[in-house]
Amino acid sequence: MVVCLLTGLILCLYCGKGRLHDFKLWKDSQWRLTPDTALYVDLGFLGIDQLHSKSVLPFKASKKHPLTKEQKKHNRKQAAISAPIEHVNRQCKIFRIVKDTYRGKHKNYGLNWNYGAPKN
């Protein structure tokens, strides 16, 4: 799901069949943003900077390499930017088509999403 930071509207939705990692789903979708658009993602999208030059990832800490103050500040700033996106994710998860197993015709799945998706 691609969400606009300014409006909170869902710009693009791509669904896969079965269990599929978010980054693999994004790569398989062949949907790309313009090169000048900033893309804020979480650590599940490691390696996206090779596909999109203006992608912004949080820094990752390890036992032997803790985060510096600047890296922590960057992660907090990115988390503040990503918070409205998480609210859109929550609204979509309340929508039953996301929570439950879809038992309708697969060709109608996208139509049902567009019909009942939350309006912001």
C-alpha atoms as a PDB file:
ATOM      1  CA  MET A   1       0.000   0.000   0.000  1.00  0.00           C
ATOM      2  CA  VAL A   2       1.355   3.420  -0.944  1.00  0.00           C
ATOM      3  CA  VAL A   3      -0.070   6.314   1.098  1.00  0.00           C
ATOM      4  CA  CYS A   4       0.343  10.056   0.508  1.00  0.00           C
ATOM      5  CA  LEU A   5       1.857  11.798   3.549  1.00  0.00           C
ATOM      6  CA  LEU A   6       0.025  15.059   2.896  1.00  0.00           C
ATOM      7  CA  THR A   7      -3.516  13.758   2.377  1.00  0.00           C
ATOM      8  CA  GLY A   8      -3.436  10.322   4.001  1.00  0.00           C
ATOM      9  CA  LEU A   9      -5.081   8.829   0.910  1.00  0.00           C
ATOM     10  CA  ILE A  10      -4.157   5.406  -0.429  1.00  0.00           C
ATOM     11  CA  LEU A  11      -2.451   5.962  -3.788  1.00  0.00           C
ATOM     12  CA  CYS A  12      -1.808   2.372  -4.756  1.00  0.00           C
ATOM     13  CA  LEU A  13      -2.732  -1.036  -3.412  1.00  0.00           C
ATOM     14  CA  TYR A  14      -1.205  -4.297  -4.556  1.00  0.00           C
ATOM     15  CA  CYS A  15      -2.305  -7.618  -3.101  1.00  0.00           C
ATOM     16  CA  GLY A  16      -0.568 -10.958  -3.325  1.00  0.00           C
ATOM     17  CA  LYS A  17      -1.950 -14.432  -2.954  1.00  0.00           C
ATOM     18  CA  GLY A  18      -1.150 -16.131   0.323  1.00  0.00           C
ATOM     19  CA  ARG A  19       1.632 -15.162   2.696  1.00  0.00           C
ATOM     20  CA  LEU A  20       4.170 -12.908   1.046  1.00  0.00           C
ATOM     21  CA  HIS A  21       6.811 -10.529   2.424  1.00  0.00           C
ATOM     22  CA  ASP A  22       6.089  -6.824   1.861  1.00  0.00           C
ATOM     23  CA  PHE A  23       9.350  -6.111   0.020  1.00  0.00           C
ATOM     24  CA  LYS A  24       8.928  -9.084  -2.332  1.00  0.00           C
ATOM     25  CA  LEU A  25       5.367  -7.960  -3.001  1.00  0.00           C
ATOM     26  CA  TRP A  26       6.629  -4.438  -3.814  1.00  0.00           C
ATOM     27  CA  LYS A  27       9.293  -5.800  -6.175  1.00  0.00           C
ATOM     28  CA  ASP A  28       6.772  -8.098  -7.900  1.00  0.00           C
ATOM     29  CA  SER A  29       4.242  -5.287  -8.353  1.00  0.00           C
ATOM     30  CA  GLN A  30       6.488  -3.401 -10.826  1.00  0.00           C
ATOM     31  CA  TRP A  31       4.919  -0.191  -9.469  1.00  0.00           C
ATOM     32  CA  ARG A  32       7.532   2.527  -9.006  1.00  0.00           C
ATOM     33  CA  LEU A  33       7.505   6.114  -7.832  1.00  0.00           C
ATOM     34  CA  THR A  34       9.078   8.969  -9.714  1.00  0.00           C
ATOM     35  CA  PRO A  35      12.804   9.285  -8.865  1.00  0.00           C
ATOM     36  CA  ASP A  36      12.342  12.638  -7.075  1.00  0.00           C
ATOM     37  CA  THR A  37       9.719  11.269  -4.622  1.00  0.00           C
ATOM     38  CA  ALA A  38      10.889  10.433  -1.105  1.00  0.00           C
ATOM     39  CA  LEU A  39       9.967   6.923   0.012  1.00  0.00           C
ATOM     40  CA  TYR A  40       9.774   6.314   3.785  1.00  0.00           C
ATOM     41  CA  VAL A  41       9.928   2.607   4.631  1.00  0.00           C
ATOM     42  CA  ASP A  42      10.704   0.410   7.629  1.00  0.00           C
ATOM     43  CA  LEU A  43      13.566  -2.062   8.088  1.00  0.00           C
ATOM     44  CA  GLY A  44      11.598  -4.761   6.276  1.00  0.00           C
ATOM     45  CA  PHE A  45      12.610  -3.019   3.051  1.00  0.00           C
ATOM     46  CA  LEU A  46      16.411  -3.313   3.398  1.00  0.00           C
ATOM     47  CA  GLY A  47      17.901  -3.056  -0.077  1.00  0.00           C
ATOM     48  CA  ILE A  48      15.229  -0.759  -1.495  1.00  0.00           C
ATOM     49  CA  ASP A  49      17.820   2.003  -1.852  1.00  0.00           C
ATOM     50  CA  GLN A  50      19.215   0.056  -4.827  1.00  0.00           C
ATOM     51  CA  LEU A  51      15.799   0.258  -6.533  1.00  0.00           C
ATOM     52  CA  HIS A  52      14.754   3.765  -5.456  1.00  0.00           C
ATOM     53  CA  SER A  53      17.405   6.421  -4.890  1.00  0.00           C
ATOM     54  CA  LYS A  54      15.417   8.678  -2.514  1.00  0.00           C
ATOM     55  CA  SER A  55      14.306   5.945  -0.115  1.00  0.00           C
ATOM     56  CA  VAL A  56      14.681   6.693   3.598  1.00  0.00           C
ATOM     57  CA  LEU A  57      15.353   3.772   5.938  1.00  0.00           C
ATOM     58  CA  PRO A  58      15.800   3.901   9.711  1.00  0.00           C
ATOM     59  CA  PHE A  59      19.175   2.962  11.134  1.00  0.00           C
ATOM     60  CA  LYS A  60      19.535  -0.515  12.585  1.00  0.00           C
ATOM     61  CA  ALA A  61      21.342  -1.179  15.851  1.00  0.00           C
ATOM     62  CA  SER A  62      23.175  -4.328  16.856  1.00  0.00           C
ATOM     63  CA  LYS A  63      24.773  -5.559  20.050  1.00  0.00           C
ATOM     64  CA  LYS A  64      28.259  -4.567  18.959  1.00  0.00           C
ATOM     65  CA  HIS A  65      27.228  -1.351  17.165  1.00  0.00           C
ATOM     66  CA  PRO A  66      24.663   0.687  19.142  1.00  0.00           C
ATOM     67  CA  LEU A  67      23.085   3.736  17.536  1.00  0.00           C
ATOM     68  CA  THR A  68      24.662   7.150  17.908  1.00  0.00           C
ATOM     69  CA  LYS A  69      22.647  10.150  19.104  1.00  0.00           C
ATOM     70  CA  GLU A  70      22.306  11.438  15.539  1.00  0.00           C
ATOM     71  CA  GLN A  71      21.030   8.063  14.329  1.00  0.00           C
ATOM     72  CA  LYS A  72      18.500   7.898  17.177  1.00  0.00           C
ATOM     73  CA  LYS A  73      17.356  11.417  16.324  1.00  0.00           C
ATOM     74  CA  HIS A  74      16.951  10.410  12.654  1.00  0.00           C
ATOM     75  CA  ASN A  75      14.920   7.310  13.641  1.00  0.00           C
ATOM     76  CA  ARG A  76      12.628   9.383  15.895  1.00  0.00           C
ATOM     77  CA  LYS A  77      12.093  11.934  13.133  1.00  0.00           C
ATOM     78  CA  GLN A  78      11.247   9.196  10.644  1.00  0.00           C
ATOM     79  CA  ALA A  79       8.896   7.533  13.139  1.00  0.00           C
ATOM     80  CA  ALA A  80       7.048  10.841  13.547  1.00  0.00           C
ATOM     81  CA  ILE A  81       6.685  11.092   9.766  1.00  0.00           C
ATOM     82  CA  SER A  82       5.505   7.484   9.495  1.00  0.00           C
ATOM     83  CA  ALA A  83       2.912   7.695  12.297  1.00  0.00           C
ATOM     84  CA  PRO A  84       0.030   8.933  10.070  1.00  0.00           C
ATOM     85  CA  ILE A  85       0.776   6.093   7.648  1.00  0.00           C
ATOM     86  CA  GLU A  86       0.445   3.596  10.494  1.00  0.00           C
ATOM     87  CA  HIS A  87      -2.954   5.113  11.295  1.00  0.00           C
ATOM     88  CA  VAL A  88      -4.066   4.425   7.712  1.00  0.00           C
ATOM     89  CA  ASN A  89      -2.788   0.840   8.099  1.00  0.00           C
ATOM     90  CA  ARG A  90      -4.872   0.493  11.268  1.00  0.00           C
ATOM     91  CA  GLN A  91      -7.999   1.764   9.520  1.00  0.00           C
ATOM     92  CA  CYS A  92      -7.499  -0.751   6.737  1.00  0.00           C
ATOM     93  CA  LYS A  93      -6.986  -3.623   9.180  1.00  0.00           C
ATOM     94  CA  ILE A  94     -10.314  -2.809  10.818  1.00  0.00           C
ATOM     95  CA  PHE A  95     -11.869  -3.337   7.383  1.00  0.00           C
ATOM     96  CA  ARG A  96     -12.948  -7.022   7.361  1.00  0.00           C
ATOM     97  CA  ILE A  97     -11.576  -7.901   3.917  1.00  0.00           C
ATOM     98  CA  VAL A  98      -8.054  -7.465   5.314  1.00  0.00           C
ATOM     99  CA  LYS A  99      -8.583  -9.320   8.619  1.00  0.00           C
ATOM    100  CA  ASP A 100     -10.480 -12.353   7.434  1.00  0.00           C
ATOM    101  CA  THR A 101      -9.965 -14.874   4.701  1.00  0.00           C
ATOM    102  CA  TYR A 102     -11.531 -13.587   1.501  1.00  0.00           C
ATOM    103  CA  ARG A 103     -13.973 -16.212   0.258  1.00  0.00           C
ATOM    104  CA  GLY A 104     -15.344 -14.431  -2.787  1.00  0.00           C
ATOM    105  CA  LYS A 105     -14.239 -14.601  -6.399  1.00  0.00           C
ATOM    106  CA  HIS A 106     -10.617 -13.539  -6.752  1.00  0.00           C
ATOM    107  CA  LYS A 107     -11.376 -11.388  -9.788  1.00  0.00           C
ATOM    108  CA  ASN A 108     -13.635  -9.241  -7.544  1.00  0.00           C
ATOM    109  CA  TYR A 109     -11.081  -8.780  -4.743  1.00  0.00           C
ATOM    110  CA  GLY A 110      -9.814  -5.392  -5.955  1.00  0.00           C
ATOM    111  CA  LEU A 111     -13.354  -4.172  -6.616  1.00  0.00           C
ATOM    112  CA  ASN A 112     -14.388  -5.022  -3.068  1.00  0.00           C
ATOM    113  CA  TRP A 113     -11.349  -3.237  -1.693  1.00  0.00           C
ATOM    114  CA  ASN A 114     -12.223  -0.080  -3.578  1.00  0.00           C
ATOM    115  CA  TYR A 115     -15.878  -0.294  -2.551  1.00  0.00           C
ATOM    116  CA  GLY A 116     -15.424  -0.688   1.191  1.00  0.00           C
ATOM    117  CA  ALA A 117     -12.053   0.884   1.896  1.00  0.00           C
ATOM    118  CA  PRO A 118     -12.085   3.584   4.554  1.00  0.00           C
ATOM    119  CA  LYS A 119     -12.473   7.143   3.299  1.00  0.00           C
ATOM    120  CA  ASN A 120     -10.169   9.695   4.927  1.00  0.00           C
END
